Structure formats: C-alpha cells, structure tokens
Amino acid sequence: MNTNAPLLELDNIQVEYNAGRGQKIPAVSGVGFKILKGETLGLVGESGCGKSSVARAVMQLPRPTAGRVIFCGHDLTRMKAKDLLEIRPRFQMVFQDSSSALNPRKSVAKIMAKPLTITSQKSKIQRDHLVREMGEQVGLDPGLFGLRPHHFSGGQCQRIQIARALITQPELLVCDEPVSSLDVSIQAQILNLLERLRKQYQLTMLFISHDLAVIKNVSDRVAVMYLGKICEIASCETLFSHPAHPYTMALLSSVPETDPTKPPKKLKLLGGELPSPMTPPSGCRFRTRCPEARERCAADEPLQRGISAGHIVACHFST
C-alpha cells in the first residue's frame, strides 16, 4: 500500500437537502477522512446516517453544501463543469439499486459504452472492443450485450454497473451498498469479483455498507458513521478487535458469531430512537442512546482524537 499523499481527501464535508418551507435537512455534518492509493476504506453505519450522501458528495452528485473533496490534488468542489467532466473518468461509482441505475431503454452494450461516448474520443471500433473486453472481465456473455437490463437478474445488473464504472479505467471506485439487495450467494460472487478487479486494475475503493461482515471482508480501514458524523476510524483489524466508541461496540455486538465453538455474543442493546437529523442532540449526537453518557456529553461535542496509531475516535471517554 502506498503511504504517500492520499488519493482522496474529504475535508469538513457538509451536505444539506431542501425540506421545503425554508427548512434544510443536514445529512452530513463535517465529515472528513483520507483514502490512500491502493487501499479500501469501508464506511459503515445505520440506514439514514448519511453514508450515501458522502458517496454522492465525492462524485459531486450534487456538489456538497460546504467543505472540500480533494482527488489527486484537485479540489473537485471548486472545479468548473468542463474541467470536472475531463477528470471524472478517473473516479467512478457503483450504485446501490442496479435496476434504477441502468437505463431501461438502452442495450447493455450501449450502457457500458456510455462513459466512453461522453468522455473520450475513441472510435466506435475501439469502444466496441472495450465493451466486449470489460463485459468478459465481469463475467457477462457477449451474446447478451444486445439485450436490455430487464432481461438480467440483480446480480447480472450489478456486473453491468461494475463494467460501466471500470470501462474508463478509473483510479477510484466508490461502491454504495453494491450487494445489499442481492441474495447471500450472489453477494459473495460480486464481492469476489470486486476484489479480483481491485487487484487487477490497482483500484482505490470507498466501500459503503451497513453490513459489518461485508465491511470486514473487503476493507483495509473502517470509518463508522452516526447521524451525519464520523465517530471512529481505525484499521479493520483494530476496529473489530478493539473498538473504542460505544456505538461501534453496539454495532459489533449485533454481528452473529459464526464459530459454533464460541459462546453467543452478549448484545449491547441501544435505548431510545435514532434522533432526527433536523434536530440532532446537543453535544455528542450519540448520547441519547449511549449507555456511557454523562453530563459532559450533553454540553460538549466530542472532537476526533487519536488514541493509538491510526485509531481515531470522537468520544470524551474512550481510551
């Protein structure tokens, strides 16, 4: 893994959505992290915590409300549309819902070729060659390239998405819950495919999931997100063996024990309900559900701090 300058850096990203009547919904509030070239950062958290909004902020779909997204030294948030179009082939995304991410009116061949027609000057012969080559790389039968997405299963549609994303030979691949809607057996096939392609094309990845078992299998480092903020970042090994934030501990306790020789885990049940992002709690956003909450948690927002090499946590009392 390259330990030089990060390939991607998010600096104090904020994302707000218009809720009507002058109200804004803050989906992401001051998120920041770095991804080094060649590594996979897993981003995990409950549904609604802002993970997909972070992914779309990276892709500038739309641009974040505030903050910076720095890719290979370029601040994407301040680039003109023309310049952004030129650099976009270098970072691509695999969306969660493959059925809505693929144009139902286009054939698979045209869907995979679309990034090339927008961003490059390659001839039709060159495009057709790349489509066939990339389709075969993801395990698609070239004889089916003339069909439309509705003829394919969910797993096949996800392969089409992956082929479309990689056809421009990007350096960064953002995967937003790429296997959440698939059967377990198909999930394993897609994850194995992504791992093979990551090595083959030397990809850097931001992999988003609510499933900790998936995150553990694919990630070098893991960032844990709660209600629009990052609460812990650590190497995969450290996070799963020595979690420091109470929310991370609760998430890990919910992962079933697969070793029949080990006793079942003791669940760390969270009290209360997930607060509304429109009216987040004062101080620490997790305090209303945290079994370790104290008076200081309501008064002061915990800042991210290092508790060991590469292990960052936003909690007043974690050690």
C-alpha atoms as a PDB file:
ATOM      1  CA  MET A   1       0.000   0.000   0.000  1.00  0.00           C
ATOM      2  CA  ASN A   2       1.284   3.476  -0.876  1.00  0.00           C
ATOM      3  CA  THR A   3       1.745   5.715   2.168  1.00  0.00           C
ATOM      4  CA  ASN A   4       2.351   8.939   0.221  1.00  0.00           C
ATOM      5  CA  ALA A   5      -0.227  11.690  -0.305  1.00  0.00           C
ATOM      6  CA  PRO A   6      -3.824  10.407  -0.172  1.00  0.00           C
ATOM      7  CA  LEU A   7      -5.639   9.744  -3.427  1.00  0.00           C
ATOM      8  CA  LEU A   8      -8.860  11.129  -1.911  1.00  0.00           C
ATOM      9  CA  GLU A   9      -9.366  13.534   0.981  1.00  0.00           C
ATOM     10  CA  LEU A  10     -12.656  14.808   2.376  1.00  0.00           C
ATOM     11  CA  ASP A  11     -12.311  17.981   4.421  1.00  0.00           C
ATOM     12  CA  ASN A  12     -15.249  19.089   6.604  1.00  0.00           C
ATOM     13  CA  ILE A  13     -17.898  17.932   4.133  1.00  0.00           C
ATOM     14  CA  GLN A  14     -21.436  19.132   4.745  1.00  0.00           C
ATOM     15  CA  VAL A  15     -24.500  18.046   2.784  1.00  0.00           C
ATOM     16  CA  GLU A  16     -27.943  19.584   3.218  1.00  0.00           C
ATOM     17  CA  TYR A  17     -31.199  18.802   1.430  1.00  0.00           C
ATOM     18  CA  ASN A  18     -34.121  21.147   0.922  1.00  0.00           C
ATOM     19  CA  ALA A  19     -37.091  20.021   3.015  1.00  0.00           C
ATOM     20  CA  GLY A  20     -39.405  22.795   1.809  1.00  0.00           C
ATOM     21  CA  ARG A  21     -40.717  25.888   3.571  1.00  0.00           C
ATOM     22  CA  GLY A  22     -37.188  27.145   4.021  1.00  0.00           C
ATOM     23  CA  GLN A  23     -36.100  24.121   6.049  1.00  0.00           C
ATOM     24  CA  LYS A  24     -32.895  22.185   5.443  1.00  0.00           C
ATOM     25  CA  ILE A  25     -32.079  18.586   6.360  1.00  0.00           C
ATOM     26  CA  PRO A  26     -28.392  18.247   7.347  1.00  0.00           C
ATOM     27  CA  ALA A  27     -27.487  14.755   6.078  1.00  0.00           C
ATOM     28  CA  VAL A  28     -23.716  15.107   6.546  1.00  0.00           C
ATOM     29  CA  SER A  29     -22.158  17.421   9.134  1.00  0.00           C
ATOM     30  CA  GLY A  30     -18.434  17.996   8.955  1.00  0.00           C
ATOM     31  CA  VAL A  31     -17.199  14.621   7.695  1.00  0.00           C
ATOM     32  CA  GLY A  32     -13.516  14.239   6.916  1.00  0.00           C
ATOM     33  CA  PHE A  33     -11.200  11.335   6.121  1.00  0.00           C
ATOM     34  CA  LYS A  34      -8.416  10.311   3.746  1.00  0.00           C
ATOM     35  CA  ILE A  35      -8.009   7.276   1.497  1.00  0.00           C
ATOM     36  CA  LEU A  36      -4.508   6.274   0.450  1.00  0.00           C
ATOM     37  CA  LYS A  37      -3.763   4.993  -3.013  1.00  0.00           C
ATOM     38  CA  GLY A  38      -4.456   1.276  -3.287  1.00  0.00           C
ATOM     39  CA  GLU A  39      -6.467   0.889  -0.081  1.00  0.00           C
ATOM     40  CA  THR A  40     -10.126   0.179   0.565  1.00  0.00           C
ATOM     41  CA  LEU A  41     -11.883   2.297   3.186  1.00  0.00           C
ATOM     42  CA  GLY A  42     -15.127   0.819   4.469  1.00  0.00           C
ATOM     43  CA  LEU A  43     -17.819   3.291   5.563  1.00  0.00           C
ATOM     44  CA  VAL A  44     -20.408   1.714   7.860  1.00  0.00           C
ATOM     45  CA  GLY A  45     -23.421   2.868   9.835  1.00  0.00           C
ATOM     46  CA  GLU A  46     -27.183   2.559  10.211  1.00  0.00           C
ATOM     47  CA  SER A  47     -29.529   3.383   7.359  1.00  0.00           C
ATOM     48  CA  GLY A  48     -30.097   7.119   7.214  1.00  0.00           C
ATOM     49  CA  CYS A  49     -26.787   8.099   8.809  1.00  0.00           C
ATOM     50  CA  GLY A  50     -25.541   9.866   5.652  1.00  0.00           C
ATOM     51  CA  LYS A  51     -23.315   7.224   4.026  1.00  0.00           C
ATOM     52  CA  SER A  52     -24.833   7.553   0.552  1.00  0.00           C
ATOM     53  CA  SER A  53     -24.743  11.333   0.829  1.00  0.00           C
ATOM     54  CA  VAL A  54     -20.998  11.092   1.448  1.00  0.00           C
ATOM     55  CA  ALA A  55     -20.633   8.906  -1.663  1.00  0.00           C
ATOM     56  CA  ARG A  56     -22.559  11.357  -3.793  1.00  0.00           C
ATOM     57  CA  ALA A  57     -20.549  14.258  -2.374  1.00  0.00           C
ATOM     58  CA  VAL A  58     -17.376  12.526  -3.544  1.00  0.00           C
ATOM     59  CA  MET A  59     -18.882  12.148  -7.015  1.00  0.00           C
ATOM     60  CA  GLN A  60     -20.234  15.735  -6.975  1.00  0.00           C
ATOM     61  CA  LEU A  61     -23.792  14.401  -7.466  1.00  0.00           C
ATOM     62  CA  PRO A  62     -24.634  17.023  -6.344  1.00  0.00           C
ATOM     63  CA  ARG A  63     -21.747  19.062  -5.002  1.00  0.00           C
ATOM     64  CA  PRO A  64     -21.633  19.185  -1.181  1.00  0.00           C
ATOM     65  CA  THR A  65     -23.077  22.231   0.560  1.00  0.00           C
ATOM     66  CA  ALA A  66     -19.684  23.029   2.113  1.00  0.00           C
ATOM     67  CA  GLY A  67     -16.233  21.524   2.535  1.00  0.00           C
ATOM     68  CA  ARG A  68     -13.655  20.196   0.088  1.00  0.00           C
ATOM     69  CA  VAL A  69     -13.290  16.963  -1.872  1.00  0.00           C
ATOM     70  CA  ILE A  70      -9.670  16.659  -2.969  1.00  0.00           C
ATOM     71  CA  PHE A  71      -8.875  13.994  -5.558  1.00  0.00           C
ATOM     72  CA  CYS A  72      -5.266  13.633  -6.716  1.00  0.00           C
ATOM     73  CA  GLY A  73      -4.580  17.177  -5.543  1.00  0.00           C
ATOM     74  CA  HIS A  74      -7.622  18.654  -7.336  1.00  0.00           C
ATOM     75  CA  ASP A  75     -10.417  20.244  -5.292  1.00  0.00           C
ATOM     76  CA  LEU A  76     -13.451  18.868  -7.116  1.00  0.00           C
ATOM     77  CA  THR A  77     -15.863  21.216  -5.333  1.00  0.00           C
ATOM     78  CA  ARG A  78     -14.268  24.264  -6.945  1.00  0.00           C
ATOM     79  CA  MET A  79     -13.756  22.917 -10.454  1.00  0.00           C
ATOM     80  CA  LYS A  80     -15.728  24.254 -13.382  1.00  0.00           C
ATOM     81  CA  ALA A  81     -18.140  21.830 -15.048  1.00  0.00           C
ATOM     82  CA  LYS A  82     -15.907  21.436 -18.105  1.00  0.00           C
ATOM     83  CA  ASP A  83     -12.834  20.620 -16.003  1.00  0.00           C
ATOM     84  CA  LEU A  84     -14.842  18.249 -13.812  1.00  0.00           C
ATOM     85  CA  LEU A  85     -16.030  16.384 -16.914  1.00  0.00           C
ATOM     86  CA  GLU A  86     -12.431  15.881 -18.000  1.00  0.00           C
ATOM     87  CA  ILE A  87     -11.303  14.407 -14.678  1.00  0.00           C
ATOM     88  CA  ARG A  88     -14.463  12.383 -13.952  1.00  0.00           C
ATOM     89  CA  PRO A  89     -13.316   9.224 -15.816  1.00  0.00           C
ATOM     90  CA  ARG A  90     -10.697   8.814 -13.078  1.00  0.00           C
ATOM     91  CA  PHE A  91     -13.325   8.281 -10.343  1.00  0.00           C
ATOM     92  CA  GLN A  92     -16.467   6.230 -10.872  1.00  0.00           C
ATOM     93  CA  MET A  93     -19.343   4.862  -8.806  1.00  0.00           C
ATOM     94  CA  VAL A  94     -21.334   1.638  -8.463  1.00  0.00           C
ATOM     95  CA  PHE A  95     -24.811   2.488  -7.193  1.00  0.00           C
ATOM     96  CA  GLN A  96     -26.929   0.529  -4.737  1.00  0.00           C
ATOM     97  CA  ASP A  97     -30.044  -0.062  -6.832  1.00  0.00           C
ATOM     98  CA  SER A  98     -28.870  -1.552 -10.116  1.00  0.00           C
ATOM     99  CA  SER A  99     -32.377  -1.619 -11.583  1.00  0.00           C
ATOM    100  CA  SER A 100     -32.749   2.170 -11.372  1.00  0.00           C
ATOM    101  CA  ALA A 101     -29.094   2.897 -12.162  1.00  0.00           C
ATOM    102  CA  LEU A 102     -29.336   1.346 -15.647  1.00  0.00           C
ATOM    103  CA  ASN A 103     -31.245   2.988 -18.481  1.00  0.00           C
ATOM    104  CA  PRO A 104     -34.125   0.590 -19.297  1.00  0.00           C
ATOM    105  CA  ARG A 105     -34.302   1.861 -22.903  1.00  0.00           C
ATOM    106  CA  LYS A 106     -30.668   1.101 -23.764  1.00  0.00           C
ATOM    107  CA  SER A 107     -28.965  -2.175 -24.543  1.00  0.00           C
ATOM    108  CA  VAL A 108     -26.272  -3.452 -22.220  1.00  0.00           C
ATOM    109  CA  ALA A 109     -23.621  -2.643 -24.831  1.00  0.00           C
ATOM    110  CA  LYS A 110     -24.749   0.981 -25.066  1.00  0.00           C
ATOM    111  CA  ILE A 111     -24.972   1.283 -21.276  1.00  0.00           C
ATOM    112  CA  MET A 112     -21.393   0.088 -20.822  1.00  0.00           C
ATOM    113  CA  ALA A 113     -20.137   2.272 -23.671  1.00  0.00           C
ATOM    114  CA  LYS A 114     -21.871   5.461 -22.467  1.00  0.00           C
ATOM    115  CA  PRO A 115     -18.935   6.767 -20.335  1.00  0.00           C
ATOM    116  CA  LEU A 116     -16.654   6.418 -23.363  1.00  0.00           C
ATOM    117  CA  THR A 117     -19.007   8.339 -25.664  1.00  0.00           C
ATOM    118  CA  ILE A 118     -19.194  11.200 -23.151  1.00  0.00           C
ATOM    119  CA  THR A 119     -15.592  11.489 -22.051  1.00  0.00           C
ATOM    120  CA  SER A 120     -13.321  10.218 -24.812  1.00  0.00           C
ATOM    121  CA  GLN A 121     -12.553  10.468 -28.497  1.00  0.00           C
ATOM    122  CA  LYS A 122     -12.281   6.708 -29.073  1.00  0.00           C
ATOM    123  CA  SER A 123     -13.660   5.347 -32.321  1.00  0.00           C
ATOM    124  CA  LYS A 124     -16.684   3.063 -32.397  1.00  0.00           C
ATOM    125  CA  ILE A 125     -14.415   0.088 -33.129  1.00  0.00           C
ATOM    126  CA  GLN A 126     -12.318   0.906 -30.058  1.00  0.00           C
ATOM    127  CA  ARG A 127     -15.430   1.361 -27.914  1.00  0.00           C
ATOM    128  CA  ASP A 128     -16.903  -1.935 -29.068  1.00  0.00           C
ATOM    129  CA  HIS A 129     -13.621  -3.697 -28.261  1.00  0.00           C
ATOM    130  CA  LEU A 130     -13.501  -2.190 -24.757  1.00  0.00           C
ATOM    131  CA  VAL A 131     -17.160  -3.070 -24.109  1.00  0.00           C
ATOM    132  CA  ARG A 132     -16.566  -6.687 -25.074  1.00  0.00           C
ATOM    133  CA  GLU A 133     -13.351  -6.885 -23.046  1.00  0.00           C
ATOM    134  CA  MET A 134     -14.850  -5.339 -19.904  1.00  0.00           C
ATOM    135  CA  GLY A 135     -18.030  -7.380 -20.195  1.00  0.00           C
ATOM    136  CA  GLU A 136     -15.979 -10.552 -20.270  1.00  0.00           C
ATOM    137  CA  GLN A 137     -13.942  -9.341 -17.286  1.00  0.00           C
ATOM    138  CA  VAL A 138     -17.087  -9.150 -15.147  1.00  0.00           C
ATOM    139  CA  GLY A 139     -18.450 -12.473 -16.398  1.00  0.00           C
ATOM    140  CA  LEU A 140     -21.098 -11.356 -18.890  1.00  0.00           C
ATOM    141  CA  ASP A 141     -21.871 -13.334 -22.052  1.00  0.00           C
ATOM    142  CA  PRO A 142     -21.119 -11.122 -25.092  1.00  0.00           C
ATOM    143  CA  GLY A 143     -24.036 -12.767 -26.871  1.00  0.00           C
ATOM    144  CA  LEU A 144     -26.381 -10.957 -24.469  1.00  0.00           C
ATOM    145  CA  PHE A 145     -24.997  -7.449 -24.949  1.00  0.00           C
ATOM    146  CA  GLY A 146     -27.856  -6.508 -27.266  1.00  0.00           C
ATOM    147  CA  LEU A 147     -30.472  -7.106 -24.547  1.00  0.00           C
ATOM    148  CA  ARG A 148     -31.896  -4.501 -22.180  1.00  0.00           C
ATOM    149  CA  PRO A 149     -31.488  -4.527 -18.365  1.00  0.00           C
ATOM    150  CA  HIS A 150     -34.888  -6.081 -17.591  1.00  0.00           C
ATOM    151  CA  HIS A 151     -33.679  -9.355 -19.122  1.00  0.00           C
ATOM    152  CA  PHE A 152     -30.995  -9.709 -16.449  1.00  0.00           C
ATOM    153  CA  SER A 153     -31.005 -10.754 -12.785  1.00  0.00           C
ATOM    154  CA  GLY A 154     -29.987  -8.409  -9.981  1.00  0.00           C
ATOM    155  CA  GLY A 155     -26.520  -9.916  -9.809  1.00  0.00           C
ATOM    156  CA  GLN A 156     -26.039  -9.586 -13.577  1.00  0.00           C
ATOM    157  CA  CYS A 157     -27.214  -5.960 -13.481  1.00  0.00           C
ATOM    158  CA  GLN A 158     -24.636  -5.256 -10.800  1.00  0.00           C
ATOM    159  CA  ARG A 159     -21.965  -6.777 -13.043  1.00  0.00           C
ATOM    160  CA  ILE A 160     -23.126  -4.441 -15.816  1.00  0.00           C
ATOM    161  CA  GLN A 161     -22.787  -1.500 -13.431  1.00  0.00           C
ATOM    162  CA  ILE A 162     -19.268  -2.567 -12.471  1.00  0.00           C
ATOM    163  CA  ALA A 163     -18.270  -2.955 -16.117  1.00  0.00           C
ATOM    164  CA  ARG A 164     -19.642   0.507 -16.919  1.00  0.00           C
ATOM    165  CA  ALA A 165     -17.750   2.023 -13.996  1.00  0.00           C
ATOM    166  CA  LEU A 166     -14.430   0.408 -14.880  1.00  0.00           C
ATOM    167  CA  ILE A 167     -14.506   0.939 -18.637  1.00  0.00           C
ATOM    168  CA  THR A 168     -12.827   4.351 -18.243  1.00  0.00           C
ATOM    169  CA  GLN A 169     -10.035   2.726 -16.183  1.00  0.00           C
ATOM    170  CA  PRO A 170     -10.617   4.850 -13.048  1.00  0.00           C
ATOM    171  CA  GLU A 171      -8.238   5.147 -10.121  1.00  0.00           C
ATOM    172  CA  LEU A 172     -11.028   5.443  -7.523  1.00  0.00           C
ATOM    173  CA  LEU A 173     -14.173   3.307  -7.328  1.00  0.00           C
ATOM    174  CA  VAL A 174     -16.985   4.342  -4.973  1.00  0.00           C
ATOM    175  CA  CYS A 175     -19.282   1.418  -4.119  1.00  0.00           C
ATOM    176  CA  ASP A 176     -22.549   2.393  -2.427  1.00  0.00           C
ATOM    177  CA  GLU A 177     -24.126  -0.721  -0.876  1.00  0.00           C
ATOM    178  CA  PRO A 178     -23.340  -2.754  -4.023  1.00  0.00           C
ATOM    179  CA  VAL A 179     -24.558  -6.099  -2.616  1.00  0.00           C
ATOM    180  CA  SER A 180     -27.280  -5.132  -0.133  1.00  0.00           C
ATOM    181  CA  SER A 181     -30.168  -6.090  -2.444  1.00  0.00           C
ATOM    182  CA  LEU A 182     -28.674  -9.424  -3.551  1.00  0.00           C
ATOM    183  CA  ASP A 183     -29.022 -12.969  -2.243  1.00  0.00           C
ATOM    184  CA  VAL A 184     -26.190 -14.107   0.027  1.00  0.00           C
ATOM    185  CA  SER A 185     -24.694 -16.460  -2.565  1.00  0.00           C
ATOM    186  CA  ILE A 186     -24.748 -13.718  -5.213  1.00  0.00           C
ATOM    187  CA  GLN A 187     -23.278 -11.260  -2.709  1.00  0.00           C
ATOM    188  CA  ALA A 188     -20.227 -13.481  -2.349  1.00  0.00           C
ATOM    189  CA  GLN A 189     -19.794 -13.662  -6.137  1.00  0.00           C
ATOM    190  CA  ILE A 190     -19.935  -9.869  -6.532  1.00  0.00           C
ATOM    191  CA  LEU A 191     -17.564  -9.286  -3.606  1.00  0.00           C
ATOM    192  CA  ASN A 192     -15.080 -11.801  -5.030  1.00  0.00           C
ATOM    193  CA  LEU A 193     -15.376 -10.096  -8.412  1.00  0.00           C
ATOM    194  CA  LEU A 194     -14.708  -6.660  -6.912  1.00  0.00           C
ATOM    195  CA  GLU A 195     -11.675  -7.979  -5.039  1.00  0.00           C
ATOM    196  CA  ARG A 196     -10.235  -9.535  -8.188  1.00  0.00           C
ATOM    197  CA  LEU A 197     -10.808  -6.382 -10.200  1.00  0.00           C
ATOM    198  CA  ARG A 198      -9.359  -4.223  -7.412  1.00  0.00           C
ATOM    199  CA  LYS A 199      -6.104  -6.139  -7.610  1.00  0.00           C
ATOM    200  CA  GLN A 200      -6.110  -6.389 -11.398  1.00  0.00           C
ATOM    201  CA  TYR A 201      -6.691  -2.676 -12.003  1.00  0.00           C
ATOM    202  CA  GLN A 202      -4.930  -1.441  -8.813  1.00  0.00           C
ATOM    203  CA  LEU A 203      -8.087   0.331  -7.663  1.00  0.00           C
ATOM    204  CA  THR A 204      -8.578   2.507  -4.619  1.00  0.00           C
ATOM    205  CA  MET A 205     -12.052   1.986  -3.142  1.00  0.00           C
ATOM    206  CA  LEU A 206     -14.573   3.661  -0.874  1.00  0.00           C
ATOM    207  CA  PHE A 207     -16.896   0.793   0.053  1.00  0.00           C
ATOM    208  CA  ILE A 208     -20.161   1.681   1.775  1.00  0.00           C
ATOM    209  CA  SER A 209     -22.305  -0.841   3.617  1.00  0.00           C
ATOM    210  CA  HIS A 210     -24.453  -1.292   6.704  1.00  0.00           C
ATOM    211  CA  ASP A 211     -23.270  -4.921   6.922  1.00  0.00           C
ATOM    212  CA  LEU A 212     -20.214  -5.241   9.169  1.00  0.00           C
ATOM    213  CA  ALA A 213     -19.476  -8.758   7.954  1.00  0.00           C
ATOM    214  CA  VAL A 214     -19.121  -7.432   4.406  1.00  0.00           C
ATOM    215  CA  ILE A 215     -17.043  -4.467   5.576  1.00  0.00           C
ATOM    216  CA  LYS A 216     -14.690  -6.801   7.455  1.00  0.00           C
ATOM    217  CA  ASN A 217     -14.052  -8.877   4.339  1.00  0.00           C
ATOM    218  CA  VAL A 218     -13.284  -6.022   1.943  1.00  0.00           C
ATOM    219  CA  SER A 219     -11.724  -3.180   3.954  1.00  0.00           C
ATOM    220  CA  ASP A 220      -8.226  -2.152   4.960  1.00  0.00           C
ATOM    221  CA  ARG A 221      -9.573   0.588   7.222  1.00  0.00           C
ATOM    222  CA  VAL A 222     -13.081   1.304   8.512  1.00  0.00           C
ATOM    223  CA  ALA A 223     -14.891   4.561   9.268  1.00  0.00           C
ATOM    224  CA  VAL A 224     -18.013   4.348  11.451  1.00  0.00           C
ATOM    225  CA  MET A 225     -20.722   6.959  10.870  1.00  0.00           C
ATOM    226  CA  TYR A 226     -23.617   8.024  13.081  1.00  0.00           C
ATOM    227  CA  LEU A 227     -26.192  10.719  12.333  1.00  0.00           C
ATOM    228  CA  GLY A 228     -24.074  12.591   9.815  1.00  0.00           C
ATOM    229  CA  LYS A 229     -20.736  12.412  11.636  1.00  0.00           C
ATOM    230  CA  ILE A 230     -17.741  10.084  11.803  1.00  0.00           C
ATOM    231  CA  CYS A 231     -17.389   8.618  15.285  1.00  0.00           C
ATOM    232  CA  GLU A 232     -14.463   6.225  14.779  1.00  0.00           C
ATOM    233  CA  ILE A 233     -11.780   5.367  12.199  1.00  0.00           C
ATOM    234  CA  ALA A 234      -9.308   2.510  12.537  1.00  0.00           C
ATOM    235  CA  SER A 235      -7.690  -0.329  10.677  1.00  0.00           C
ATOM    236  CA  CYS A 236     -10.073  -3.191  10.055  1.00  0.00           C
ATOM    237  CA  GLU A 237      -8.205  -5.448  12.469  1.00  0.00           C
ATOM    238  CA  THR A 238      -8.125  -2.831  15.244  1.00  0.00           C
ATOM    239  CA  LEU A 239     -11.744  -1.815  14.876  1.00  0.00           C
ATOM    240  CA  PHE A 240     -13.056  -5.358  15.093  1.00  0.00           C
ATOM    241  CA  SER A 241     -10.741  -6.447  17.925  1.00  0.00           C
ATOM    242  CA  HIS A 242     -10.557  -3.223  19.991  1.00  0.00           C
ATOM    243  CA  PRO A 243     -13.500  -0.906  19.219  1.00  0.00           C
ATOM    244  CA  ALA A 244     -13.358   2.330  21.211  1.00  0.00           C
ATOM    245  CA  HIS A 245     -16.644   4.127  20.570  1.00  0.00           C
ATOM    246  CA  PRO A 246     -19.806   2.846  22.320  1.00  0.00           C
ATOM    247  CA  TYR A 247     -21.704   2.960  19.034  1.00  0.00           C
ATOM    248  CA  THR A 248     -19.091   0.807  17.307  1.00  0.00           C
ATOM    249  CA  MET A 249     -19.261  -1.658  20.197  1.00  0.00           C
ATOM    250  CA  ALA A 250     -23.040  -1.870  19.844  1.00  0.00           C
ATOM    251  CA  LEU A 251     -22.784  -2.465  16.097  1.00  0.00           C
ATOM    252  CA  LEU A 252     -20.197  -5.215  16.531  1.00  0.00           C
ATOM    253  CA  SER A 253     -22.241  -6.953  19.223  1.00  0.00           C
ATOM    254  CA  SER A 254     -25.068  -7.368  16.708  1.00  0.00           C
ATOM    255  CA  VAL A 255     -22.893  -9.360  14.269  1.00  0.00           C
ATOM    256  CA  PRO A 256     -23.733 -13.088  14.716  1.00  0.00           C
ATOM    257  CA  GLU A 257     -20.951 -15.381  15.932  1.00  0.00           C
ATOM    258  CA  THR A 258     -20.172 -17.831  13.125  1.00  0.00           C
ATOM    259  CA  ASP A 259     -17.884 -20.095  15.163  1.00  0.00           C
ATOM    260  CA  PRO A 260     -20.091 -22.763  16.826  1.00  0.00           C
ATOM    261  CA  THR A 261     -17.396 -23.439  19.451  1.00  0.00           C
ATOM    262  CA  LYS A 262     -17.649 -19.891  20.820  1.00  0.00           C
ATOM    263  CA  PRO A 263     -20.449 -18.709  23.133  1.00  0.00           C
ATOM    264  CA  PRO A 264     -23.014 -16.303  21.669  1.00  0.00           C
ATOM    265  CA  LYS A 265     -22.190 -12.621  21.951  1.00  0.00           C
ATOM    266  CA  LYS A 266     -23.865 -10.509  24.578  1.00  0.00           C
ATOM    267  CA  LEU A 267     -25.949  -7.926  22.763  1.00  0.00           C
ATOM    268  CA  LYS A 268     -25.357  -4.269  23.644  1.00  0.00           C
ATOM    269  CA  LEU A 269     -28.877  -3.035  23.012  1.00  0.00           C
ATOM    270  CA  LEU A 270     -29.271   0.664  22.279  1.00  0.00           C
ATOM    271  CA  GLY A 271     -32.037   2.546  24.057  1.00  0.00           C
ATOM    272  CA  GLY A 272     -34.222   5.220  22.522  1.00  0.00           C
ATOM    273  CA  GLU A 273     -34.794   6.003  18.876  1.00  0.00           C
ATOM    274  CA  LEU A 274     -32.494   7.409  16.222  1.00  0.00           C
ATOM    275  CA  PRO A 275     -32.844  11.214  16.530  1.00  0.00           C
ATOM    276  CA  SER A 276     -33.995  13.325  13.617  1.00  0.00           C
ATOM    277  CA  PRO A 277     -31.116  14.885  11.650  1.00  0.00           C
ATOM    278  CA  MET A 278     -33.148  18.124  11.599  1.00  0.00           C
ATOM    279  CA  THR A 279     -32.934  18.371  15.394  1.00  0.00           C
ATOM    280  CA  PRO A 280     -29.801  16.452  16.465  1.00  0.00           C
ATOM    281  CA  PRO A 281     -28.986  16.224  20.185  1.00  0.00           C
ATOM    282  CA  SER A 282     -26.676  18.808  21.689  1.00  0.00           C
ATOM    283  CA  GLY A 283     -23.091  17.809  22.395  1.00  0.00           C
ATOM    284  CA  CYS A 284     -22.492  14.221  21.336  1.00  0.00           C
ATOM    285  CA  ARG A 285     -25.112  13.085  18.850  1.00  0.00           C
ATOM    286  CA  PHE A 286     -24.995   9.539  20.198  1.00  0.00           C
ATOM    287  CA  ARG A 287     -25.571  10.484  23.843  1.00  0.00           C
ATOM    288  CA  THR A 288     -29.352   9.907  23.818  1.00  0.00           C
ATOM    289  CA  ARG A 289     -28.731   6.207  23.118  1.00  0.00           C
ATOM    290  CA  CYS A 290     -25.342   5.751  24.753  1.00  0.00           C
ATOM    291  CA  PRO A 291     -25.141   3.612  27.918  1.00  0.00           C
ATOM    292  CA  GLU A 292     -21.995   5.515  28.953  1.00  0.00           C
ATOM    293  CA  ALA A 293     -23.415   9.052  28.546  1.00  0.00           C
ATOM    294  CA  ARG A 294     -22.551  11.658  31.204  1.00  0.00           C
ATOM    295  CA  GLU A 295     -23.260  15.358  31.749  1.00  0.00           C
ATOM    296  CA  ARG A 296     -20.327  16.471  29.639  1.00  0.00           C
ATOM    297  CA  CYS A 297     -21.729  14.590  26.633  1.00  0.00           C
ATOM    298  CA  ALA A 298     -24.741  16.931  26.513  1.00  0.00           C
ATOM    299  CA  ALA A 299     -22.666  20.087  26.898  1.00  0.00           C
ATOM    300  CA  ASP A 300     -19.639  19.494  24.668  1.00  0.00           C
ATOM    301  CA  GLU A 301     -19.377  17.942  21.225  1.00  0.00           C
ATOM    302  CA  PRO A 302     -16.531  15.390  21.217  1.00  0.00           C
ATOM    303  CA  LEU A 303     -13.783  16.095  18.692  1.00  0.00           C
ATOM    304  CA  GLN A 304     -11.904  13.409  16.830  1.00  0.00           C
ATOM    305  CA  ARG A 305      -8.690  12.421  18.611  1.00  0.00           C
ATOM    306  CA  GLY A 306      -6.093   9.731  18.197  1.00  0.00           C
ATOM    307  CA  ILE A 307      -5.967   7.076  20.901  1.00  0.00           C
ATOM    308  CA  SER A 308      -3.327   4.929  19.185  1.00  0.00           C
ATOM    309  CA  ALA A 309      -1.521   4.791  15.851  1.00  0.00           C
ATOM    310  CA  GLY A 310      -4.125   5.223  13.106  1.00  0.00           C
ATOM    311  CA  HIS A 311      -7.030   4.857  15.555  1.00  0.00           C
ATOM    312  CA  ILE A 312      -9.269   7.940  15.767  1.00  0.00           C
ATOM    313  CA  VAL A 313     -12.368   8.270  17.911  1.00  0.00           C
ATOM    314  CA  ALA A 314     -14.863  11.064  18.683  1.00  0.00           C
ATOM    315  CA  CYS A 315     -15.776  10.316  22.291  1.00  0.00           C
ATOM    316  CA  HIS A 316     -14.896  12.125  25.518  1.00  0.00           C
ATOM    317  CA  PHE A 317     -14.257   8.952  27.488  1.00  0.00           C
ATOM    318  CA  SER A 318     -12.940   6.335  25.049  1.00  0.00           C
ATOM    319  CA  THR A 319      -9.385   5.126  25.652  1.00  0.00           C
END
